[in-house]
Amino acid sequence: MKKSSFLLFSFMFFVEQLLADQTYVCTSGNGQQERIIKVIYQDQASKVPCDVSYQSDGKEQILFQAQDRHGFCEKKALEFVQHQLNQGWACGDVTPLLEVMPEALEVYSPEQVADYKQAALFTQAVSVISPFKMMLTEFYYMEGEYPDSLQQIGLKPEDMNTSSHISDLTIGANGEIYAQGNEELGLDTIIMLKPKLALGGFSREWECITNIKLKDINFCEYNSQLVFPVINDNKVTQ
């Protein structure tokens, strides 16, 4: 009986994976939380009927359904992925959703597609550098000040160019984290995460600042004067 139940569960899981042609896993800045958005097709040939499901905290629900409206599920999934991006979550590249059906491509202009892709790449870059926030915060609480070099927190500058999402990373004199975009995001893209005191000094929050204008992201402030620091004698010059 147990074996039959297990086989039935495995079969249903396999079928679900086949039907879920588009799956997007959005993760928080520390990567410890995730939200899953799926477009599930009940007919692989016609792509309708279809469902858009959302999974968070182990619970899954159907957000949208369409019986014969081609492109409807793709459009709604895009909008919901965009909602996650605006909240600072890092999601996968959204452009495959637009390639599923010609009808979906008619909904969005090439400029909108480019904006969605830029937003996805940007949030992935922010997600990559977010773990450094914890390292700098821990150093501050132990030493009473922020480190003035990567070496002080046990890191090497030459190791900061091995990510597939950013091309370089360093820290500023006041605990700022600076990252430079890669070729896909743009080598001229600079991201800075800046610590600030909140709640009367009992809490430490982080501001996001960038030198590029982002149409589909509202969690990062625009500053055209932001530049990547110059490193002299293993210390940054701002």
Protein backbone atom coordinates (compact mmCIF):
# COMPACT_ATOMS: atom_id res chain seq x y z
CA MET A 1 0.00 0.00 0.00
CA LYS A 2 2.79 2.40 0.96
CA LYS A 3 4.69 1.50 -2.20
CA SER A 4 1.62 2.17 -4.36
CA SER A 5 1.08 5.54 -2.68
CA PHE A 6 4.71 6.45 -3.22
CA LEU A 7 4.54 5.49 -6.90
CA LEU A 8 1.32 7.48 -7.34
CA PHE A 9 2.91 10.51 -5.68
CA SER A 10 6.02 10.18 -7.85
CA PHE A 11 3.90 9.89 -10.98
CA MET A 12 1.84 12.98 -10.08
CA PHE A 13 5.01 14.93 -9.31
CA PHE A 14 6.51 13.86 -12.65
CA VAL A 15 3.36 14.88 -14.52
CA GLU A 16 3.31 18.25 -12.77
CA GLN A 17 6.90 18.91 -13.78
CA LEU A 18 6.08 18.08 -17.38
CA LEU A 19 3.11 20.43 -17.38
CA ALA A 20 4.93 23.26 -15.60
CA ASP A 21 6.66 24.60 -18.70
CA GLN A 22 7.65 27.83 -17.01
CA THR A 23 8.94 27.82 -13.44
CA TYR A 24 10.48 30.82 -11.69
CA VAL A 25 12.15 30.55 -8.30
CA CYS A 26 12.52 33.91 -6.59
CA THR A 27 14.88 34.08 -3.63
CA SER A 28 15.40 36.65 -0.90
CA GLY A 29 18.63 38.57 -0.47
CA ASN A 30 20.13 35.95 1.83
CA GLY A 31 18.87 33.08 -0.34
CA GLN A 32 17.15 31.40 2.62
CA GLN A 33 13.60 32.09 1.45
CA GLU A 34 12.03 31.32 -1.89
CA ARG A 35 8.82 31.86 -3.78
CA ILE A 36 7.92 29.73 -6.78
CA ILE A 37 5.77 30.93 -9.67
CA LYS A 38 4.70 28.42 -12.33
CA VAL A 39 2.73 28.44 -15.54
CA ILE A 40 1.08 25.02 -15.83
CA TYR A 41 -0.32 23.91 -19.18
CA GLN A 42 -3.07 21.29 -19.28
CA ASP A 43 -2.54 20.88 -23.01
CA GLN A 44 1.03 21.02 -24.25
CA ALA A 45 0.03 21.56 -27.87
CA SER A 46 -2.40 24.47 -27.49
CA LYS A 47 -0.99 25.86 -24.18
CA VAL A 48 -4.56 26.26 -22.88
CA PRO A 49 -6.22 25.67 -20.50
CA CYS A 50 -3.51 26.96 -18.18
CA ASP A 51 -2.93 27.90 -14.55
CA VAL A 52 -0.55 30.25 -12.77
CA SER A 53 0.44 28.84 -9.39
CA TYR A 54 2.29 30.49 -6.52
CA GLN A 55 4.14 28.68 -3.76
CA SER A 56 5.38 30.36 -0.58
CA ASP A 57 6.16 29.00 2.89
CA GLY A 58 5.32 25.50 1.70
CA LYS A 59 1.81 26.48 0.59
CA GLU A 60 0.74 26.52 -3.06
CA GLN A 61 -2.27 28.23 -4.57
CA ILE A 62 -3.66 28.91 -8.03
CA LEU A 63 -3.64 32.63 -8.73
CA PHE A 64 -4.99 32.75 -12.29
CA GLN A 65 -6.64 30.41 -14.79
CA ALA A 66 -7.53 30.62 -18.46
CA GLN A 67 -9.58 28.24 -20.56
CA ASP A 68 -8.96 29.59 -24.05
CA ARG A 69 -7.21 32.98 -23.72
CA HIS A 70 -3.78 32.48 -25.25
CA GLY A 71 -1.05 34.52 -23.58
CA PHE A 72 -3.16 35.30 -20.49
CA CYS A 73 -1.25 33.01 -18.10
CA GLU A 74 2.12 34.19 -19.42
CA LYS A 75 1.11 37.83 -18.95
CA LYS A 76 -0.14 37.28 -15.40
CA ALA A 77 2.97 35.28 -14.47
CA LEU A 78 5.15 38.11 -15.78
CA GLU A 79 3.25 40.64 -13.72
CA PHE A 80 3.59 38.54 -10.58
CA VAL A 81 7.31 37.95 -11.15
CA GLN A 82 7.63 41.71 -11.59
CA HIS A 83 5.92 42.19 -8.24
CA GLN A 84 8.61 40.04 -6.60
CA LEU A 85 11.37 42.04 -8.32
CA ASN A 86 9.92 45.28 -7.00
CA GLN A 87 10.08 43.86 -3.49
CA GLY A 88 13.78 43.10 -3.89
CA TRP A 89 13.56 39.37 -4.62
CA ALA A 90 15.89 37.83 -7.18
CA CYS A 91 14.11 35.84 -9.89
CA GLY A 92 15.17 34.04 -13.04
CA ASP A 93 15.29 35.62 -16.48
CA VAL A 94 11.70 36.46 -17.47
CA THR A 95 12.26 36.57 -21.23
CA PRO A 96 11.47 32.84 -21.81
CA LEU A 97 7.91 33.58 -20.71
CA LEU A 98 7.58 35.93 -23.65
CA GLU A 99 8.92 33.34 -26.05
CA VAL A 100 6.32 30.68 -25.23
CA MET A 101 3.65 32.08 -27.51
CA PRO A 102 3.40 34.80 -30.15
CA GLU A 103 0.33 36.14 -28.35
CA ALA A 104 2.41 36.85 -25.26
CA LEU A 105 4.97 38.74 -27.34
CA GLU A 106 2.20 41.00 -28.61
CA VAL A 107 1.43 42.05 -25.05
CA TYR A 108 4.88 43.52 -24.36
CA SER A 109 7.05 45.78 -26.49
CA PRO A 110 10.77 45.04 -27.07
CA GLU A 111 11.54 47.89 -24.67
CA GLN A 112 9.44 46.27 -21.94
CA VAL A 113 11.16 42.93 -22.52
CA ALA A 114 14.54 44.64 -22.16
CA ASP A 115 13.39 46.35 -18.95
CA TYR A 116 12.22 43.04 -17.47
CA LYS A 117 15.52 41.38 -18.32
CA GLN A 118 17.51 44.26 -16.83
CA ALA A 119 15.44 44.06 -13.64
CA ALA A 120 16.10 40.32 -13.35
CA LEU A 121 19.85 40.73 -13.89
CA PHE A 122 20.00 43.61 -11.42
CA THR A 123 18.21 41.76 -8.62
CA GLN A 124 20.44 38.73 -9.20
CA ALA A 125 23.48 40.98 -8.76
CA VAL A 126 22.04 42.45 -5.54
CA SER A 127 21.32 38.94 -4.30
CA VAL A 128 24.95 37.91 -4.91
CA ILE A 129 26.39 40.78 -2.86
CA SER A 130 23.80 40.69 -0.05
CA PRO A 131 25.67 38.09 2.09
CA PHE A 132 28.43 40.68 2.57
CA LYS A 133 26.00 42.75 4.63
CA MET A 134 26.09 40.16 7.39
CA MET A 135 29.90 39.98 7.33
CA LEU A 136 30.28 43.75 7.68
CA THR A 137 27.60 43.98 10.36
CA GLU A 138 29.26 41.25 12.43
CA PHE A 139 32.65 42.96 12.06
CA TYR A 140 31.14 46.27 13.23
CA TYR A 141 29.58 44.75 16.33
CA MET A 142 32.85 43.03 17.24
CA GLU A 143 35.27 45.86 16.44
CA GLY A 144 33.12 48.98 16.84
CA GLU A 145 33.94 50.12 13.33
CA TYR A 146 33.68 48.92 9.75
CA PRO A 147 36.64 47.27 7.98
CA ASP A 148 38.56 49.48 5.56
CA SER A 149 39.64 46.63 3.30
CA LEU A 150 38.49 43.23 2.14
CA GLN A 151 41.54 41.69 3.76
CA GLN A 152 40.23 42.67 7.19
CA ILE A 153 37.30 40.31 6.74
CA GLY A 154 39.47 37.54 5.30
CA LEU A 155 38.84 38.16 1.61
CA LYS A 156 41.12 38.80 -1.36
CA PRO A 157 40.37 41.54 -3.93
CA GLU A 158 41.46 39.21 -6.75
CA ASP A 159 38.68 36.78 -5.80
CA MET A 160 35.97 39.39 -6.32
CA ASN A 161 35.82 38.99 -10.12
CA THR A 162 34.79 35.34 -10.28
CA SER A 163 31.01 35.79 -10.09
CA SER A 164 28.79 35.28 -13.13
CA HIS A 165 26.59 38.22 -12.04
CA ILE A 166 29.13 40.96 -11.18
CA SER A 167 32.64 41.77 -12.38
CA ASP A 168 34.10 43.27 -9.20
CA LEU A 169 33.32 44.04 -5.56
CA THR A 170 34.90 46.11 -2.81
CA ILE A 171 33.94 47.85 0.42
CA GLY A 172 33.99 51.54 1.30
CA ALA A 173 35.38 53.40 4.29
CA ASN A 174 32.03 53.54 6.06
CA GLY A 175 30.77 50.02 5.52
CA GLU A 176 29.44 50.50 2.00
CA ILE A 177 29.44 47.52 -0.35
CA TYR A 178 30.24 48.40 -3.96
CA ALA A 179 29.67 46.07 -6.91
CA GLN A 180 30.34 46.54 -10.60
CA GLY A 181 28.06 44.90 -13.15
CA ASN A 182 29.16 42.22 -15.59
CA GLU A 183 29.05 42.50 -19.38
CA GLU A 184 25.41 41.37 -19.56
CA LEU A 185 24.17 43.84 -16.96
CA GLY A 186 26.66 46.49 -18.07
CA LEU A 187 30.23 47.10 -16.90
CA ASP A 188 29.29 50.72 -16.23
CA THR A 189 26.62 49.61 -13.73
CA ILE A 190 27.52 50.37 -10.11
CA ILE A 191 25.54 49.10 -7.14
CA MET A 192 26.12 50.34 -3.60
CA LEU A 193 24.57 48.91 -0.43
CA LYS A 194 24.94 51.48 2.34
CA PRO A 195 24.32 50.79 6.05
CA LYS A 196 22.25 53.19 8.14
CA LEU A 197 21.03 53.25 11.72
CA ALA A 198 17.30 52.90 12.36
CA LEU A 199 14.92 52.64 15.31
CA GLY A 200 17.00 54.92 17.50
CA GLY A 201 20.22 53.12 16.68
CA PHE A 202 19.00 49.70 17.77
CA SER A 203 18.67 48.43 14.21
CA ARG A 204 20.84 48.58 11.11
CA GLU A 205 19.25 48.77 7.68
CA TRP A 206 20.73 48.91 4.20
CA GLU A 207 20.02 51.36 1.40
CA CYS A 208 20.48 50.38 -2.24
CA ILE A 209 21.88 53.02 -4.60
CA THR A 210 22.80 52.65 -8.28
CA ASN A 211 23.99 54.85 -11.13
CA ILE A 212 21.57 53.45 -13.71
CA LYS A 213 17.88 54.21 -14.13
CA LEU A 214 15.71 51.15 -13.57
CA LYS A 215 12.15 51.33 -14.85
CA ASP A 216 10.99 48.10 -13.23
CA ILE A 217 12.68 48.32 -9.84
CA ASN A 218 11.73 50.67 -7.03
CA PHE A 219 13.87 49.41 -4.16
CA CYS A 220 17.11 51.05 -5.32
CA GLU A 221 17.71 54.81 -5.39
CA TYR A 222 19.18 56.42 -8.52
CA ASN A 223 22.38 58.48 -8.25
CA SER A 224 24.12 59.33 -11.52
CA GLN A 225 27.30 60.39 -9.64
CA LEU A 226 27.91 56.99 -8.08
CA VAL A 227 31.32 55.54 -9.03
CA PHE A 228 33.28 52.42 -8.15
CA PRO A 229 36.00 53.25 -5.56
CA VAL A 230 39.67 53.27 -6.48
CA ILE A 231 41.83 50.97 -4.39
CA ASN A 232 45.23 52.30 -3.23
CA ASP A 233 47.44 50.27 -0.90
CA ASN A 234 44.57 47.83 -0.31
CA LYS A 235 42.31 50.69 0.90
CA VAL A 236 39.56 52.43 -1.00
CA THR A 237 39.67 56.03 -2.16
CA GLN A 238 36.21 57.51 -2.58
